[in-house]
Amino acid sequence: MTASNRCGFALTLALVGMLILAACVPSRPHPTATSTVPGKLTPYSSPTPSQTPRASPQPSGSPPPLPTATSTITPTPFLHVLAKDDTLLGLALKYGVSLETIKTANPELQPNFLIVGTSVIIPIQATSAPTSVPTPTPVPVRMAAPRCYPTADGGLWCFVLAANDQLFGLENLSAWITLGDPRGQILAGQEAIAPLNRLPPGATLPLMAFFPPPVSTDAVPDARLTNSLVIPAQDTRYLTATVQVESVEILTGGLQATVQGNVLLPAGTRPASVVWVAAVAYDAAGQVVGVRKWEAAESLQPAGRLPFAFTVYSLGPAIARVEAVVEARP
């Protein structure tokens, strides 16, 4: 084979190989145009970082605003464990709070049936009466104008004589005594309470309050009844005891008087475990000048008698007479 023939044969073989390779490669389909359905874009809210709002600048020298809040002033409670002969009146006078304040702080407490060892809440720093507790309308009671007497330390004792003109007994009597200046401005106010829980029909008892010093010498007192409750006829908390005054000896120019007598309990009733006698001293004008309370140290049996003897002192004028009122409970 000549050289030219060999070149032609090689070229032919190359072309045949290229055709074979081309036949082995798969053909790519051409894309065909398709109709598109118009879609509906639904907006989607995605959380995006945002800057923390800055507080608006305050004027120079002014404090930042404080959050609004309501606060209630509450008294500091103190627990008093009842001992023998303790009374709510005595606790009120001892701790300088009102009788109603102690009753409100101890709603489950029975004032006339105190049990030794019971803890009583004394709200020592109470500054105002609670507004959420309803106050019953007091039964009308005839009251005299308040009479006040200064003490050596600059305080003031005030008495309001209350008379029970009803045919039924009353209990838990109290009045609010205010001191005003000559122009009518209120200077101070205190709750006045009776020495006994019960005021029998036809009886009189003073309601008393002490104003701690200093008290203005030209203060004008005024009083209004705040509480008096009817004792139901079927009530069994009180016993029908009577007091018999045998003698009243006025001493020291009328500044003190010793009272002696007996408490009588009729037959057919229950024994009295609590017996109180309140001696009220009056001057010649019929004004209350002193009060003293006596508590029996022993029980009184039915058809029995319990002797008493104690001294009442005058805070002002001379004592002209003394009256006694008794309270007895089972």
C-alpha atoms as a PDB file:
ATOM      1  CA  MET A   1       0.000   0.000   0.000  1.00  0.00           C
ATOM      2  CA  THR A   2       1.359   3.344  -0.953  1.00  0.00           C
ATOM      3  CA  ALA A   3       1.811   6.154   1.552  1.00  0.00           C
ATOM      4  CA  SER A   4      -1.125   8.098   0.219  1.00  0.00           C
ATOM      5  CA  ASN A   5      -3.346   5.081   0.489  1.00  0.00           C
ATOM      6  CA  ARG A   6      -2.252   4.529   4.082  1.00  0.00           C
ATOM      7  CA  CYS A   7      -3.172   8.156   5.025  1.00  0.00           C
ATOM      8  CA  GLY A   8      -6.563   7.862   3.452  1.00  0.00           C
ATOM      9  CA  PHE A   9      -7.256   4.615   5.244  1.00  0.00           C
ATOM     10  CA  ALA A  10      -6.291   6.147   8.636  1.00  0.00           C
ATOM     11  CA  LEU A  11      -8.527   9.147   8.075  1.00  0.00           C
ATOM     12  CA  THR A  12     -11.394   6.856   7.211  1.00  0.00           C
ATOM     13  CA  LEU A  13     -10.912   4.875  10.417  1.00  0.00           C
ATOM     14  CA  ALA A  14     -10.894   8.137  12.476  1.00  0.00           C
ATOM     15  CA  LEU A  15     -14.140   9.310  10.995  1.00  0.00           C
ATOM     16  CA  VAL A  16     -15.803   5.943  11.610  1.00  0.00           C
ATOM     17  CA  GLY A  17     -14.696   6.067  15.287  1.00  0.00           C
ATOM     18  CA  MET A  18     -16.090   9.516  15.781  1.00  0.00           C
ATOM     19  CA  LEU A  19     -19.451   8.430  14.382  1.00  0.00           C
ATOM     20  CA  ILE A  20     -19.563   5.440  16.773  1.00  0.00           C
ATOM     21  CA  LEU A  21     -18.826   7.674  19.796  1.00  0.00           C
ATOM     22  CA  ALA A  22     -21.487  10.125  18.799  1.00  0.00           C
ATOM     23  CA  ALA A  23     -24.023   7.337  18.530  1.00  0.00           C
ATOM     24  CA  CYS A  24     -23.261   6.238  22.172  1.00  0.00           C
ATOM     25  CA  VAL A  25     -23.987   9.690  23.789  1.00  0.00           C
ATOM     26  CA  PRO A  26     -27.712  10.054  24.842  1.00  0.00           C
ATOM     27  CA  SER A  27     -29.523  12.881  23.272  1.00  0.00           C
ATOM     28  CA  ARG A  28     -30.913  15.747  25.574  1.00  0.00           C
ATOM     29  CA  PRO A  29     -34.591  16.543  25.196  1.00  0.00           C
ATOM     30  CA  HIS A  30     -35.408  20.104  24.321  1.00  0.00           C
ATOM     31  CA  PRO A  31     -37.517  21.956  26.962  1.00  0.00           C
ATOM     32  CA  THR A  32     -41.080  22.557  25.932  1.00  0.00           C
ATOM     33  CA  ALA A  33     -43.031  25.677  26.929  1.00  0.00           C
ATOM     34  CA  THR A  34     -45.872  25.024  29.455  1.00  0.00           C
ATOM     35  CA  SER A  35     -48.730  27.318  30.489  1.00  0.00           C
ATOM     36  CA  THR A  36     -48.373  28.648  34.104  1.00  0.00           C
ATOM     37  CA  VAL A  37     -51.310  29.156  36.520  1.00  0.00           C
ATOM     38  CA  PRO A  38     -51.095  32.569  38.184  1.00  0.00           C
ATOM     39  CA  GLY A  39     -50.474  32.078  41.961  1.00  0.00           C
ATOM     40  CA  LYS A  40     -51.674  34.093  44.972  1.00  0.00           C
ATOM     41  CA  LEU A  41     -49.032  35.446  47.270  1.00  0.00           C
ATOM     42  CA  THR A  42     -49.960  35.090  50.947  1.00  0.00           C
ATOM     43  CA  PRO A  43     -48.138  37.591  53.079  1.00  0.00           C
ATOM     44  CA  TYR A  44     -46.298  36.047  56.084  1.00  0.00           C
ATOM     45  CA  SER A  45     -45.205  38.058  59.024  1.00  0.00           C
ATOM     46  CA  SER A  46     -41.872  36.904  60.297  1.00  0.00           C
ATOM     47  CA  PRO A  47     -40.382  38.219  63.532  1.00  0.00           C
ATOM     48  CA  THR A  48     -37.762  40.791  62.835  1.00  0.00           C
ATOM     49  CA  PRO A  49     -35.377  42.217  65.403  1.00  0.00           C
ATOM     50  CA  SER A  50     -36.316  45.618  66.655  1.00  0.00           C
ATOM     51  CA  GLN A  51     -34.553  48.102  68.859  1.00  0.00           C
ATOM     52  CA  THR A  52     -35.486  48.302  72.544  1.00  0.00           C
ATOM     53  CA  PRO A  53     -37.335  51.583  73.062  1.00  0.00           C
ATOM     54  CA  ARG A  54     -35.350  54.033  75.061  1.00  0.00           C
ATOM     55  CA  ALA A  55     -36.791  55.943  77.969  1.00  0.00           C
ATOM     56  CA  SER A  56     -37.563  59.511  77.179  1.00  0.00           C
ATOM     57  CA  PRO A  57     -35.080  61.826  78.804  1.00  0.00           C
ATOM     58  CA  GLN A  58     -36.234  63.473  82.041  1.00  0.00           C
ATOM     59  CA  PRO A  59     -35.818  67.126  82.740  1.00  0.00           C
ATOM     60  CA  SER A  60     -32.720  67.935  84.672  1.00  0.00           C
ATOM     61  CA  GLY A  61     -33.175  67.635  88.427  1.00  0.00           C
ATOM     62  CA  SER A  62     -36.532  65.775  88.347  1.00  0.00           C
ATOM     63  CA  PRO A  63     -36.830  62.210  89.626  1.00  0.00           C
ATOM     64  CA  PRO A  64     -37.827  59.419  87.224  1.00  0.00           C
ATOM     65  CA  PRO A  65     -41.505  58.504  87.235  1.00  0.00           C
ATOM     66  CA  LEU A  66     -42.491  55.782  89.709  1.00  0.00           C
ATOM     67  CA  PRO A  67     -44.934  52.985  88.868  1.00  0.00           C
ATOM     68  CA  THR A  68     -48.435  53.582  90.152  1.00  0.00           C
ATOM     69  CA  ALA A  69     -49.301  51.311  93.061  1.00  0.00           C
ATOM     70  CA  THR A  70     -51.842  51.270  95.830  1.00  0.00           C
ATOM     71  CA  SER A  71     -50.612  50.629  99.336  1.00  0.00           C
ATOM     72  CA  THR A  72     -52.554  50.044 102.509  1.00  0.00           C
ATOM     73  CA  ILE A  73     -51.184  51.080 105.865  1.00  0.00           C
ATOM     74  CA  THR A  74     -51.572  48.123 108.191  1.00  0.00           C
ATOM     75  CA  PRO A  75     -51.069  48.213 111.937  1.00  0.00           C
ATOM     76  CA  THR A  76     -48.273  46.312 113.588  1.00  0.00           C
ATOM     77  CA  PRO A  77     -49.920  43.327 115.313  1.00  0.00           C
ATOM     78  CA  PHE A  78     -49.022  42.369 118.864  1.00  0.00           C
ATOM     79  CA  LEU A  79     -50.259  39.189 120.517  1.00  0.00           C
ATOM     80  CA  HIS A  80     -51.520  39.472 124.083  1.00  0.00           C
ATOM     81  CA  VAL A  81     -52.157  36.182 125.891  1.00  0.00           C
ATOM     82  CA  LEU A  82     -55.227  36.526 128.066  1.00  0.00           C
ATOM     83  CA  ALA A  83     -54.668  36.118 131.797  1.00  0.00           C
ATOM     84  CA  LYS A  84     -57.159  35.861 134.632  1.00  0.00           C
ATOM     85  CA  ASP A  85     -59.331  38.977 135.033  1.00  0.00           C
ATOM     86  CA  ASP A  86     -58.292  40.363 131.623  1.00  0.00           C
ATOM     87  CA  THR A  87     -61.013  42.340 129.829  1.00  0.00           C
ATOM     88  CA  LEU A  88     -61.152  43.949 126.405  1.00  0.00           C
ATOM     89  CA  LEU A  89     -61.735  47.298 128.075  1.00  0.00           C
ATOM     90  CA  GLY A  90     -58.621  46.798 130.179  1.00  0.00           C
ATOM     91  CA  LEU A  91     -56.596  45.833 127.096  1.00  0.00           C
ATOM     92  CA  ALA A  92     -57.843  48.911 125.238  1.00  0.00           C
ATOM     93  CA  LEU A  93     -56.788  51.183 128.096  1.00  0.00           C
ATOM     94  CA  LYS A  94     -53.490  49.337 128.566  1.00  0.00           C
ATOM     95  CA  TYR A  95     -52.332  49.493 124.942  1.00  0.00           C
ATOM     96  CA  GLY A  96     -53.898  52.835 124.031  1.00  0.00           C
ATOM     97  CA  VAL A  97     -56.193  51.554 121.273  1.00  0.00           C
ATOM     98  CA  SER A  98     -59.951  51.639 120.909  1.00  0.00           C
ATOM     99  CA  LEU A  99     -62.215  48.818 121.998  1.00  0.00           C
ATOM    100  CA  GLU A 100     -63.704  48.572 118.496  1.00  0.00           C
ATOM    101  CA  THR A 101     -60.206  48.244 116.994  1.00  0.00           C
ATOM    102  CA  ILE A 102     -59.506  45.186 119.159  1.00  0.00           C
ATOM    103  CA  LYS A 103     -62.922  43.688 118.322  1.00  0.00           C
ATOM    104  CA  THR A 104     -62.350  44.225 114.580  1.00  0.00           C
ATOM    105  CA  ALA A 105     -58.919  42.583 114.749  1.00  0.00           C
ATOM    106  CA  ASN A 106     -60.413  39.587 116.607  1.00  0.00           C
ATOM    107  CA  PRO A 107     -63.835  38.920 115.022  1.00  0.00           C
ATOM    108  CA  GLU A 108     -64.027  35.407 116.455  1.00  0.00           C
ATOM    109  CA  LEU A 109     -63.498  36.630 120.018  1.00  0.00           C
ATOM    110  CA  GLN A 110     -66.475  36.734 122.385  1.00  0.00           C
ATOM    111  CA  PRO A 111     -65.927  39.882 124.504  1.00  0.00           C
ATOM    112  CA  ASN A 112     -68.070  38.569 127.331  1.00  0.00           C
ATOM    113  CA  PHE A 113     -66.544  35.072 127.389  1.00  0.00           C
ATOM    114  CA  LEU A 114     -62.784  35.465 127.386  1.00  0.00           C
ATOM    115  CA  ILE A 115     -60.757  32.287 127.911  1.00  0.00           C
ATOM    116  CA  VAL A 116     -57.442  32.383 129.756  1.00  0.00           C
ATOM    117  CA  GLY A 117     -54.582  31.523 127.408  1.00  0.00           C
ATOM    118  CA  THR A 118     -56.266  32.862 124.256  1.00  0.00           C
ATOM    119  CA  SER A 119     -54.070  35.067 122.048  1.00  0.00           C
ATOM    120  CA  VAL A 120     -55.597  38.459 121.267  1.00  0.00           C
ATOM    121  CA  ILE A 121     -54.310  40.551 118.362  1.00  0.00           C
ATOM    122  CA  ILE A 122     -53.589  44.123 119.495  1.00  0.00           C
ATOM    123  CA  PRO A 123     -53.094  46.438 116.470  1.00  0.00           C
ATOM    124  CA  ILE A 124     -50.829  48.851 118.297  1.00  0.00           C
ATOM    125  CA  GLN A 125     -50.197  51.253 115.398  1.00  0.00           C
ATOM    126  CA  ALA A 126     -53.733  51.313 114.055  1.00  0.00           C
ATOM    127  CA  THR A 127     -54.346  54.805 112.698  1.00  0.00           C
ATOM    128  CA  SER A 128     -57.786  54.470 111.212  1.00  0.00           C
ATOM    129  CA  ALA A 129     -60.785  52.225 111.480  1.00  0.00           C
ATOM    130  CA  PRO A 130     -61.216  49.726 108.622  1.00  0.00           C
ATOM    131  CA  THR A 131     -63.800  50.812 106.076  1.00  0.00           C
ATOM    132  CA  SER A 132     -64.731  47.321 104.908  1.00  0.00           C
ATOM    133  CA  VAL A 133     -66.374  46.285 108.178  1.00  0.00           C
ATOM    134  CA  PRO A 134     -70.022  47.367 108.397  1.00  0.00           C
ATOM    135  CA  THR A 135     -70.998  49.272 111.522  1.00  0.00           C
ATOM    136  CA  PRO A 136     -74.480  48.663 112.938  1.00  0.00           C
ATOM    137  CA  THR A 137     -76.683  51.670 113.636  1.00  0.00           C
ATOM    138  CA  PRO A 138     -76.512  52.370 117.381  1.00  0.00           C
ATOM    139  CA  VAL A 139     -79.669  52.318 119.490  1.00  0.00           C
ATOM    140  CA  PRO A 140     -80.454  55.874 120.634  1.00  0.00           C
ATOM    141  CA  VAL A 141     -79.069  56.641 124.082  1.00  0.00           C
ATOM    142  CA  ARG A 142     -79.530  59.823 126.092  1.00  0.00           C
ATOM    143  CA  MET A 143     -76.097  61.358 126.673  1.00  0.00           C
ATOM    144  CA  ALA A 144     -74.988  64.383 128.662  1.00  0.00           C
ATOM    145  CA  ALA A 145     -72.387  66.849 127.457  1.00  0.00           C
ATOM    146  CA  PRO A 146     -68.834  65.606 128.013  1.00  0.00           C
ATOM    147  CA  ARG A 147     -66.987  66.726 131.114  1.00  0.00           C
ATOM    148  CA  CYS A 148     -63.188  66.707 131.126  1.00  0.00           C
ATOM    149  CA  TYR A 149     -60.507  67.010 133.809  1.00  0.00           C
ATOM    150  CA  PRO A 150     -56.786  67.684 133.236  1.00  0.00           C
ATOM    151  CA  THR A 151     -54.194  65.385 134.769  1.00  0.00           C
ATOM    152  CA  ALA A 152     -50.921  66.340 136.419  1.00  0.00           C
ATOM    153  CA  ASP A 153     -48.880  65.198 133.393  1.00  0.00           C
ATOM    154  CA  GLY A 154     -50.834  67.383 130.945  1.00  0.00           C
ATOM    155  CA  GLY A 155     -53.313  64.754 129.760  1.00  0.00           C
ATOM    156  CA  LEU A 156     -57.094  64.908 129.899  1.00  0.00           C
ATOM    157  CA  TRP A 157     -59.772  62.514 131.181  1.00  0.00           C
ATOM    158  CA  CYS A 158     -63.223  62.980 129.631  1.00  0.00           C
ATOM    159  CA  PHE A 159     -66.551  61.472 130.750  1.00  0.00           C
ATOM    160  CA  VAL A 160     -69.865  61.256 128.889  1.00  0.00           C
ATOM    161  CA  LEU A 161     -72.789  60.123 131.016  1.00  0.00           C
ATOM    162  CA  ALA A 162     -75.083  57.726 129.107  1.00  0.00           C
ATOM    163  CA  ALA A 163     -78.565  56.807 130.355  1.00  0.00           C
ATOM    164  CA  ASN A 164     -80.551  53.770 129.202  1.00  0.00           C
ATOM    165  CA  ASP A 165     -84.169  54.923 128.961  1.00  0.00           C
ATOM    166  CA  GLN A 166     -85.202  51.758 127.107  1.00  0.00           C
ATOM    167  CA  LEU A 167     -87.076  48.785 128.546  1.00  0.00           C
ATOM    168  CA  PHE A 168     -84.274  46.427 127.486  1.00  0.00           C
ATOM    169  CA  GLY A 169     -80.592  46.170 128.286  1.00  0.00           C
ATOM    170  CA  LEU A 170     -77.857  47.592 126.081  1.00  0.00           C
ATOM    171  CA  GLU A 171     -74.256  46.507 125.601  1.00  0.00           C
ATOM    172  CA  ASN A 172     -70.982  47.631 124.024  1.00  0.00           C
ATOM    173  CA  LEU A 173     -71.697  51.332 124.377  1.00  0.00           C
ATOM    174  CA  SER A 174     -69.119  53.712 122.961  1.00  0.00           C
ATOM    175  CA  ALA A 175     -68.907  57.348 121.909  1.00  0.00           C
ATOM    176  CA  TRP A 176     -66.433  59.442 119.949  1.00  0.00           C
ATOM    177  CA  ILE A 177     -65.122  62.455 121.838  1.00  0.00           C
ATOM    178  CA  THR A 178     -63.418  65.247 119.934  1.00  0.00           C
ATOM    179  CA  LEU A 179     -61.428  68.196 121.226  1.00  0.00           C
ATOM    180  CA  GLY A 180     -61.696  71.405 119.259  1.00  0.00           C
ATOM    181  CA  ASP A 181     -60.214  74.854 119.559  1.00  0.00           C
ATOM    182  CA  PRO A 182     -62.402  77.932 120.109  1.00  0.00           C
ATOM    183  CA  ARG A 183     -62.627  78.394 116.316  1.00  0.00           C
ATOM    184  CA  GLY A 184     -64.114  74.923 115.839  1.00  0.00           C
ATOM    185  CA  GLN A 185     -61.031  73.194 114.429  1.00  0.00           C
ATOM    186  CA  ILE A 186     -60.678  69.574 115.571  1.00  0.00           C
ATOM    187  CA  LEU A 187     -57.512  69.012 117.565  1.00  0.00           C
ATOM    188  CA  ALA A 188     -57.879  65.378 118.659  1.00  0.00           C
ATOM    189  CA  GLY A 189     -60.362  62.539 118.951  1.00  0.00           C
ATOM    190  CA  GLN A 190     -60.666  59.445 121.151  1.00  0.00           C
ATOM    191  CA  GLU A 191     -63.191  56.653 121.594  1.00  0.00           C
ATOM    192  CA  ALA A 192     -64.930  56.630 124.965  1.00  0.00           C
ATOM    193  CA  ILE A 193     -66.006  53.279 126.398  1.00  0.00           C
ATOM    194  CA  ALA A 194     -67.973  52.161 129.444  1.00  0.00           C
ATOM    195  CA  PRO A 195     -66.444  50.363 132.439  1.00  0.00           C
ATOM    196  CA  LEU A 196     -69.000  47.533 132.011  1.00  0.00           C
ATOM    197  CA  ASN A 197     -70.195  45.704 128.910  1.00  0.00           C
ATOM    198  CA  ARG A 198     -73.865  45.873 129.907  1.00  0.00           C
ATOM    199  CA  LEU A 199     -76.055  48.870 130.724  1.00  0.00           C
ATOM    200  CA  PRO A 200     -79.290  47.665 132.390  1.00  0.00           C
ATOM    201  CA  PRO A 201     -82.639  49.365 131.735  1.00  0.00           C
ATOM    202  CA  GLY A 202     -82.988  52.577 133.745  1.00  0.00           C
ATOM    203  CA  ALA A 203     -79.284  52.669 134.631  1.00  0.00           C
ATOM    204  CA  THR A 204     -76.608  55.234 133.819  1.00  0.00           C
ATOM    205  CA  LEU A 205     -72.903  54.742 133.165  1.00  0.00           C
ATOM    206  CA  PRO A 206     -70.172  57.111 132.048  1.00  0.00           C
ATOM    207  CA  LEU A 207     -68.244  56.508 128.847  1.00  0.00           C
ATOM    208  CA  MET A 208     -64.639  57.543 129.427  1.00  0.00           C
ATOM    209  CA  ALA A 209     -61.629  58.414 127.277  1.00  0.00           C
ATOM    210  CA  PHE A 210     -58.109  59.596 128.044  1.00  0.00           C
ATOM    211  CA  PHE A 211     -56.245  62.093 125.865  1.00  0.00           C
ATOM    212  CA  PRO A 212     -52.481  61.758 126.326  1.00  0.00           C
ATOM    213  CA  PRO A 213     -50.417  64.931 126.814  1.00  0.00           C
ATOM    214  CA  PRO A 214     -49.990  67.534 125.618  1.00  0.00           C
ATOM    215  CA  VAL A 215     -53.580  68.796 125.468  1.00  0.00           C
ATOM    216  CA  SER A 216     -54.500  72.414 124.854  1.00  0.00           C
ATOM    217  CA  THR A 217     -55.926  74.081 127.946  1.00  0.00           C
ATOM    218  CA  ASP A 218     -58.664  75.815 125.938  1.00  0.00           C
ATOM    219  CA  ALA A 219     -59.847  72.646 124.104  1.00  0.00           C
ATOM    220  CA  VAL A 220     -63.626  72.322 123.790  1.00  0.00           C
ATOM    221  CA  PRO A 221     -64.963  68.725 124.028  1.00  0.00           C
ATOM    222  CA  ASP A 222     -67.829  67.292 122.009  1.00  0.00           C
ATOM    223  CA  ALA A 223     -69.265  63.759 121.819  1.00  0.00           C
ATOM    224  CA  ARG A 224     -71.461  61.583 119.607  1.00  0.00           C
ATOM    225  CA  LEU A 225     -72.712  58.050 120.134  1.00  0.00           C
ATOM    226  CA  THR A 226     -70.949  55.478 117.944  1.00  0.00           C
ATOM    227  CA  ASN A 227     -72.207  52.120 119.230  1.00  0.00           C
ATOM    228  CA  SER A 228     -74.938  50.605 121.406  1.00  0.00           C
ATOM    229  CA  LEU A 229     -76.456  47.166 120.862  1.00  0.00           C
ATOM    230  CA  VAL A 230     -79.702  45.680 122.106  1.00  0.00           C
ATOM    231  CA  ILE A 231     -79.414  42.639 124.365  1.00  0.00           C
ATOM    232  CA  PRO A 232     -82.103  40.179 123.194  1.00  0.00           C
ATOM    233  CA  ALA A 233     -84.650  39.092 125.777  1.00  0.00           C
ATOM    234  CA  GLN A 234     -83.628  35.424 125.393  1.00  0.00           C
ATOM    235  CA  ASP A 235     -79.928  36.216 125.817  1.00  0.00           C
ATOM    236  CA  THR A 236     -78.311  34.091 128.537  1.00  0.00           C
ATOM    237  CA  ARG A 237     -74.879  35.715 128.665  1.00  0.00           C
ATOM    238  CA  TYR A 238     -75.780  37.942 131.609  1.00  0.00           C
ATOM    239  CA  LEU A 239     -77.226  36.996 134.989  1.00  0.00           C
ATOM    240  CA  THR A 240     -79.800  38.996 136.942  1.00  0.00           C
ATOM    241  CA  ALA A 241     -77.608  40.136 139.798  1.00  0.00           C
ATOM    242  CA  THR A 242     -78.269  43.164 142.017  1.00  0.00           C
ATOM    243  CA  VAL A 243     -75.933  45.417 143.929  1.00  0.00           C
ATOM    244  CA  GLN A 244     -76.625  46.522 147.481  1.00  0.00           C
ATOM    245  CA  VAL A 245     -74.597  49.539 148.680  1.00  0.00           C
ATOM    246  CA  GLU A 246     -74.385  49.545 152.468  1.00  0.00           C
ATOM    247  CA  SER A 247     -72.145  52.544 153.046  1.00  0.00           C
ATOM    248  CA  VAL A 248     -70.268  55.324 151.249  1.00  0.00           C
ATOM    249  CA  GLU A 249     -67.579  57.086 153.288  1.00  0.00           C
ATOM    250  CA  ILE A 250     -66.294  60.308 151.693  1.00  0.00           C
ATOM    251  CA  LEU A 251     -62.773  61.201 152.786  1.00  0.00           C
ATOM    252  CA  THR A 252     -59.984  63.741 152.185  1.00  0.00           C
ATOM    253  CA  GLY A 253     -62.240  66.708 151.589  1.00  0.00           C
ATOM    254  CA  GLY A 254     -64.319  64.819 149.033  1.00  0.00           C
ATOM    255  CA  LEU A 255     -61.415  63.667 146.856  1.00  0.00           C
ATOM    256  CA  GLN A 256     -62.055  59.985 147.536  1.00  0.00           C
ATOM    257  CA  ALA A 257     -64.863  57.747 148.744  1.00  0.00           C
ATOM    258  CA  THR A 258     -64.887  54.182 150.031  1.00  0.00           C
ATOM    259  CA  VAL A 259     -67.850  52.089 148.904  1.00  0.00           C
ATOM    260  CA  GLN A 260     -68.996  48.935 150.719  1.00  0.00           C
ATOM    261  CA  GLY A 261     -71.805  46.558 149.894  1.00  0.00           C
ATOM    262  CA  ASN A 262     -72.861  43.190 148.505  1.00  0.00           C
ATOM    263  CA  VAL A 263     -73.681  41.639 145.162  1.00  0.00           C
ATOM    264  CA  LEU A 264     -76.748  39.414 145.344  1.00  0.00           C
ATOM    265  CA  LEU A 265     -77.636  36.561 142.993  1.00  0.00           C
ATOM    266  CA  PRO A 266     -81.195  35.161 143.130  1.00  0.00           C
ATOM    267  CA  ALA A 267     -81.948  31.490 143.620  1.00  0.00           C
ATOM    268  CA  GLY A 268     -82.713  29.298 140.636  1.00  0.00           C
ATOM    269  CA  THR A 269     -80.049  30.795 138.389  1.00  0.00           C
ATOM    270  CA  ARG A 270     -76.562  29.709 137.387  1.00  0.00           C
ATOM    271  CA  PRO A 271     -73.430  30.555 139.384  1.00  0.00           C
ATOM    272  CA  ALA A 272     -71.625  33.737 138.364  1.00  0.00           C
ATOM    273  CA  SER A 273     -67.961  33.253 137.534  1.00  0.00           C
ATOM    274  CA  VAL A 274     -67.513  36.913 136.548  1.00  0.00           C
ATOM    275  CA  VAL A 275     -68.776  39.701 138.824  1.00  0.00           C
ATOM    276  CA  TRP A 276     -67.978  43.387 138.187  1.00  0.00           C
ATOM    277  CA  VAL A 277     -69.097  46.460 140.120  1.00  0.00           C
ATOM    278  CA  ALA A 278     -68.606  49.972 138.716  1.00  0.00           C
ATOM    279  CA  ALA A 279     -68.665  52.797 141.259  1.00  0.00           C
ATOM    280  CA  VAL A 280     -69.425  56.221 139.738  1.00  0.00           C
ATOM    281  CA  ALA A 281     -68.679  59.338 141.791  1.00  0.00           C
ATOM    282  CA  TYR A 282     -70.701  62.545 141.211  1.00  0.00           C
ATOM    283  CA  ASP A 283     -70.189  66.086 142.439  1.00  0.00           C
ATOM    284  CA  ALA A 284     -72.899  68.335 143.875  1.00  0.00           C
ATOM    285  CA  ALA A 285     -73.934  69.427 140.356  1.00  0.00           C
ATOM    286  CA  GLY A 286     -74.470  65.821 139.224  1.00  0.00           C
ATOM    287  CA  GLN A 287     -71.348  65.708 137.041  1.00  0.00           C
ATOM    288  CA  VAL A 288     -69.196  62.561 136.902  1.00  0.00           C
ATOM    289  CA  VAL A 289     -65.891  63.176 138.669  1.00  0.00           C
ATOM    290  CA  GLY A 290     -64.522  59.637 139.003  1.00  0.00           C
ATOM    291  CA  VAL A 291     -65.038  55.974 138.079  1.00  0.00           C
ATOM    292  CA  ARG A 292     -63.631  52.801 139.623  1.00  0.00           C
ATOM    293  CA  LYS A 293     -64.242  49.176 138.633  1.00  0.00           C
ATOM    294  CA  TRP A 294     -64.111  46.258 141.077  1.00  0.00           C
ATOM    295  CA  GLU A 295     -63.711  42.628 139.962  1.00  0.00           C
ATOM    296  CA  ALA A 296     -64.585  39.701 142.210  1.00  0.00           C
ATOM    297  CA  ALA A 297     -61.827  37.195 142.897  1.00  0.00           C
ATOM    298  CA  GLU A 298     -64.281  34.353 143.440  1.00  0.00           C
ATOM    299  CA  SER A 299     -67.505  33.053 141.955  1.00  0.00           C
ATOM    300  CA  LEU A 300     -70.965  33.861 143.284  1.00  0.00           C
ATOM    301  CA  GLN A 301     -73.393  31.038 143.940  1.00  0.00           C
ATOM    302  CA  PRO A 302     -77.183  31.285 143.455  1.00  0.00           C
ATOM    303  CA  ALA A 303     -79.025  32.727 146.466  1.00  0.00           C
ATOM    304  CA  GLY A 304     -75.655  33.940 147.721  1.00  0.00           C
ATOM    305  CA  ARG A 305     -74.028  37.288 148.331  1.00  0.00           C
ATOM    306  CA  LEU A 306     -70.550  38.578 147.565  1.00  0.00           C
ATOM    307  CA  PRO A 307     -69.203  41.472 149.694  1.00  0.00           C
ATOM    308  CA  PHE A 308     -67.113  44.241 148.161  1.00  0.00           C
ATOM    309  CA  ALA A 309     -65.239  47.303 149.417  1.00  0.00           C
ATOM    310  CA  PHE A 310     -63.093  49.655 147.317  1.00  0.00           C
ATOM    311  CA  THR A 311     -62.239  53.321 146.867  1.00  0.00           C
ATOM    312  CA  VAL A 312     -63.117  55.679 144.013  1.00  0.00           C
ATOM    313  CA  TYR A 313     -61.173  58.921 143.490  1.00  0.00           C
ATOM    314  CA  SER A 314     -62.225  62.321 142.179  1.00  0.00           C
ATOM    315  CA  LEU A 315     -60.466  63.910 139.211  1.00  0.00           C
ATOM    316  CA  GLY A 316     -62.060  67.285 139.888  1.00  0.00           C
ATOM    317  CA  PRO A 317     -64.561  68.689 142.379  1.00  0.00           C
ATOM    318  CA  ALA A 318     -65.464  67.051 145.670  1.00  0.00           C
ATOM    319  CA  ILE A 319     -67.493  63.847 145.639  1.00  0.00           C
ATOM    320  CA  ALA A 320     -71.069  64.342 146.777  1.00  0.00           C
ATOM    321  CA  ARG A 321     -72.498  60.862 146.150  1.00  0.00           C
ATOM    322  CA  VAL A 322     -71.562  57.475 144.679  1.00  0.00           C
ATOM    323  CA  GLU A 323     -73.710  55.068 142.645  1.00  0.00           C
ATOM    324  CA  ALA A 324     -72.904  51.446 141.813  1.00  0.00           C
ATOM    325  CA  VAL A 325     -73.816  49.279 138.814  1.00  0.00           C
ATOM    326  CA  VAL A 326     -73.224  45.503 138.692  1.00  0.00           C
ATOM    327  CA  GLU A 327     -72.584  43.022 135.889  1.00  0.00           C
ATOM    328  CA  ALA A 328     -72.530  39.233 136.403  1.00  0.00           C
ATOM    329  CA  ARG A 329     -71.901  36.455 133.892  1.00  0.00           C
ATOM    330  CA  PRO A 330     -71.824  32.646 134.144  1.00  0.00           C
END
